[in-house]
Amino acid sequence: MVAMAMAIPLILLVAFGQSLFTSPFFKKVSDVGELKHSHGYSIKDNSLQALIGSSGSALTNLRPSGRVEINGEPYNSVTDGGFIEKGEQVKVIKVYNTQLVVTKV
């Protein structure tokens, strides 16, 4: 009985799946259009680049990753190789993906 309850939806999906995904209804409810860069969509956050050279302090121990405060805002960060204790002064030397790379001042 359980096997039949699992098999029937699978059979229906195989039989009608192609027509479901090409139906006007499915296109209407699933179409978000193109996510173009010219419309403001981007996967890269360029605002972090402006923080290079800025100084701040470690909110947590960085061993080697943790949180820092730069210009009053918290950010995820990693060190350039060493450990940095909470409260020590840091400087942003580069940005890697969505993390700031910092060094001890």
C-alpha atoms as a PDB file:
ATOM      1  CA  MET A   1       0.000   0.000   0.000  1.00  0.00           C
ATOM      2  CA  VAL A   2       2.810   2.439   0.911  1.00  0.00           C
ATOM      3  CA  ALA A   3       4.730   1.461  -2.203  1.00  0.00           C
ATOM      4  CA  MET A   4       1.686   2.224  -4.347  1.00  0.00           C
ATOM      5  CA  ALA A   5       1.219   5.618  -2.631  1.00  0.00           C
ATOM      6  CA  MET A   6       4.810   6.456  -3.506  1.00  0.00           C
ATOM      7  CA  ALA A   7       4.709   5.023  -7.027  1.00  0.00           C
ATOM      8  CA  ILE A   8       1.565   6.805  -8.264  1.00  0.00           C
ATOM      9  CA  PRO A   9       2.940  10.377  -7.900  1.00  0.00           C
ATOM     10  CA  LEU A  10       6.197   9.276  -9.521  1.00  0.00           C
ATOM     11  CA  ILE A  11       4.353   7.789 -12.490  1.00  0.00           C
ATOM     12  CA  LEU A  12       2.235  10.948 -12.838  1.00  0.00           C
ATOM     13  CA  LEU A  13       5.325  13.135 -12.687  1.00  0.00           C
ATOM     14  CA  VAL A  14       7.034  11.138 -15.419  1.00  0.00           C
ATOM     15  CA  ALA A  15       3.896  11.082 -17.565  1.00  0.00           C
ATOM     16  CA  PHE A  16       2.949  14.749 -17.204  1.00  0.00           C
ATOM     17  CA  GLY A  17       6.201  16.351 -16.064  1.00  0.00           C
ATOM     18  CA  GLN A  18       7.277  17.682 -19.437  1.00  0.00           C
ATOM     19  CA  SER A  19       3.913  19.264 -20.153  1.00  0.00           C
ATOM     20  CA  LEU A  20       3.771  20.748 -16.642  1.00  0.00           C
ATOM     21  CA  PHE A  21       7.088  22.593 -16.996  1.00  0.00           C
ATOM     22  CA  THR A  22       6.216  23.964 -20.442  1.00  0.00           C
ATOM     23  CA  SER A  23       2.646  25.003 -19.566  1.00  0.00           C
ATOM     24  CA  PRO A  24       1.685  28.697 -19.608  1.00  0.00           C
ATOM     25  CA  PHE A  25       0.567  28.433 -15.963  1.00  0.00           C
ATOM     26  CA  PHE A  26       3.985  27.198 -14.807  1.00  0.00           C
ATOM     27  CA  LYS A  27       5.749  29.907 -16.800  1.00  0.00           C
ATOM     28  CA  LYS A  28       3.497  32.559 -15.294  1.00  0.00           C
ATOM     29  CA  VAL A  29       4.099  31.514 -11.674  1.00  0.00           C
ATOM     30  CA  SER A  30       7.810  30.777 -12.049  1.00  0.00           C
ATOM     31  CA  ASP A  31       9.087  33.428 -14.451  1.00  0.00           C
ATOM     32  CA  VAL A  32      11.234  36.046 -12.756  1.00  0.00           C
ATOM     33  CA  GLY A  33      12.781  37.304 -15.970  1.00  0.00           C
ATOM     34  CA  GLU A  34      16.458  37.719 -16.549  1.00  0.00           C
ATOM     35  CA  LEU A  35      18.617  38.895 -13.667  1.00  0.00           C
ATOM     36  CA  LYS A  36      20.847  41.242 -15.651  1.00  0.00           C
ATOM     37  CA  HIS A  37      23.714  43.272 -14.263  1.00  0.00           C
ATOM     38  CA  SER A  38      22.254  46.334 -15.999  1.00  0.00           C
ATOM     39  CA  HIS A  39      19.131  45.956 -13.820  1.00  0.00           C
ATOM     40  CA  GLY A  40      21.206  46.088 -10.645  1.00  0.00           C
ATOM     41  CA  TYR A  41      21.655  42.362 -10.020  1.00  0.00           C
ATOM     42  CA  SER A  42      25.129  41.264  -9.032  1.00  0.00           C
ATOM     43  CA  ILE A  43      26.611  38.432  -7.006  1.00  0.00           C
ATOM     44  CA  LYS A  44      29.692  40.436  -6.131  1.00  0.00           C
ATOM     45  CA  ASP A  45      29.527  42.961  -3.299  1.00  0.00           C
ATOM     46  CA  ASN A  46      31.864  45.770  -4.331  1.00  0.00           C
ATOM     47  CA  SER A  47      31.119  47.839  -1.222  1.00  0.00           C
ATOM     48  CA  LEU A  48      33.658  45.831   0.786  1.00  0.00           C
ATOM     49  CA  GLN A  49      36.459  46.983  -1.532  1.00  0.00           C
ATOM     50  CA  ALA A  50      36.114  50.490  -0.099  1.00  0.00           C
ATOM     51  CA  LEU A  51      37.181  49.168   3.323  1.00  0.00           C
ATOM     52  CA  ILE A  52      40.696  48.224   2.190  1.00  0.00           C
ATOM     53  CA  GLY A  53      43.125  50.257   4.283  1.00  0.00           C
ATOM     54  CA  SER A  54      40.562  50.931   7.032  1.00  0.00           C
ATOM     55  CA  SER A  55      41.343  50.176  10.661  1.00  0.00           C
ATOM     56  CA  GLY A  56      39.151  48.791  13.408  1.00  0.00           C
ATOM     57  CA  SER A  57      39.152  46.283  16.242  1.00  0.00           C
ATOM     58  CA  ALA A  58      38.564  42.582  16.669  1.00  0.00           C
ATOM     59  CA  LEU A  59      35.120  41.808  18.124  1.00  0.00           C
ATOM     60  CA  THR A  60      36.054  38.147  18.638  1.00  0.00           C
ATOM     61  CA  ASN A  61      39.271  36.156  18.735  1.00  0.00           C
ATOM     62  CA  LEU A  62      40.425  35.649  15.157  1.00  0.00           C
ATOM     63  CA  ARG A  63      41.896  32.121  15.022  1.00  0.00           C
ATOM     64  CA  PRO A  64      42.110  32.715  12.048  1.00  0.00           C
ATOM     65  CA  SER A  65      38.493  33.728  11.349  1.00  0.00           C
ATOM     66  CA  GLY A  66      36.115  35.824  13.404  1.00  0.00           C
ATOM     67  CA  ARG A  67      34.354  39.186  13.513  1.00  0.00           C
ATOM     68  CA  VAL A  68      35.832  42.671  13.354  1.00  0.00           C
ATOM     69  CA  GLU A  69      34.356  46.137  13.681  1.00  0.00           C
ATOM     70  CA  ILE A  70      35.312  48.633  10.986  1.00  0.00           C
ATOM     71  CA  ASN A  71      33.806  52.144  11.000  1.00  0.00           C
ATOM     72  CA  GLY A  72      31.284  51.028  13.635  1.00  0.00           C
ATOM     73  CA  GLU A  73      29.987  48.077  11.555  1.00  0.00           C
ATOM     74  CA  PRO A  74      30.636  44.353  12.238  1.00  0.00           C
ATOM     75  CA  TYR A  75      32.122  42.202   9.448  1.00  0.00           C
ATOM     76  CA  ASN A  76      33.223  38.605   8.973  1.00  0.00           C
ATOM     77  CA  SER A  77      36.973  38.412   8.607  1.00  0.00           C
ATOM     78  CA  VAL A  78      40.029  36.197   8.424  1.00  0.00           C
ATOM     79  CA  THR A  79      43.583  37.022   9.356  1.00  0.00           C
ATOM     80  CA  ASP A  80      46.519  36.997   6.980  1.00  0.00           C
ATOM     81  CA  GLY A  81      47.901  33.999   8.863  1.00  0.00           C
ATOM     82  CA  GLY A  82      48.313  34.730  12.557  1.00  0.00           C
ATOM     83  CA  PHE A  83      45.984  34.811  15.532  1.00  0.00           C
ATOM     84  CA  ILE A  84      44.492  38.089  16.731  1.00  0.00           C
ATOM     85  CA  GLU A  85      42.975  38.455  20.184  1.00  0.00           C
ATOM     86  CA  LYS A  86      39.628  40.143  20.887  1.00  0.00           C
ATOM     87  CA  GLY A  87      39.983  43.917  21.244  1.00  0.00           C
ATOM     88  CA  GLU A  88      43.244  44.247  19.296  1.00  0.00           C
ATOM     89  CA  GLN A  89      43.511  46.803  16.510  1.00  0.00           C
ATOM     90  CA  VAL A  90      43.342  45.459  12.954  1.00  0.00           C
ATOM     91  CA  LYS A  91      43.734  46.830   9.434  1.00  0.00           C
ATOM     92  CA  VAL A  92      41.959  45.562   6.302  1.00  0.00           C
ATOM     93  CA  ILE A  93      44.527  44.507   3.701  1.00  0.00           C
ATOM     94  CA  LYS A  94      42.254  42.888   1.095  1.00  0.00           C
ATOM     95  CA  VAL A  95      38.821  41.378   0.468  1.00  0.00           C
ATOM     96  CA  TYR A  96      38.335  37.686  -0.268  1.00  0.00           C
ATOM     97  CA  ASN A  97      34.801  36.788  -1.443  1.00  0.00           C
ATOM     98  CA  THR A  98      32.610  38.222   1.335  1.00  0.00           C
ATOM     99  CA  GLN A  99      35.264  38.312   4.051  1.00  0.00           C
ATOM    100  CA  LEU A 100      37.726  40.992   4.986  1.00  0.00           C
ATOM    101  CA  VAL A 101      41.345  39.887   5.279  1.00  0.00           C
ATOM    102  CA  VAL A 102      42.921  41.710   8.208  1.00  0.00           C
ATOM    103  CA  THR A 103      46.305  42.012   9.877  1.00  0.00           C
ATOM    104  CA  LYS A 104      47.255  43.150  13.362  1.00  0.00           C
ATOM    105  CA  VAL A 105      48.258  46.816  13.555  1.00  0.00           C
END
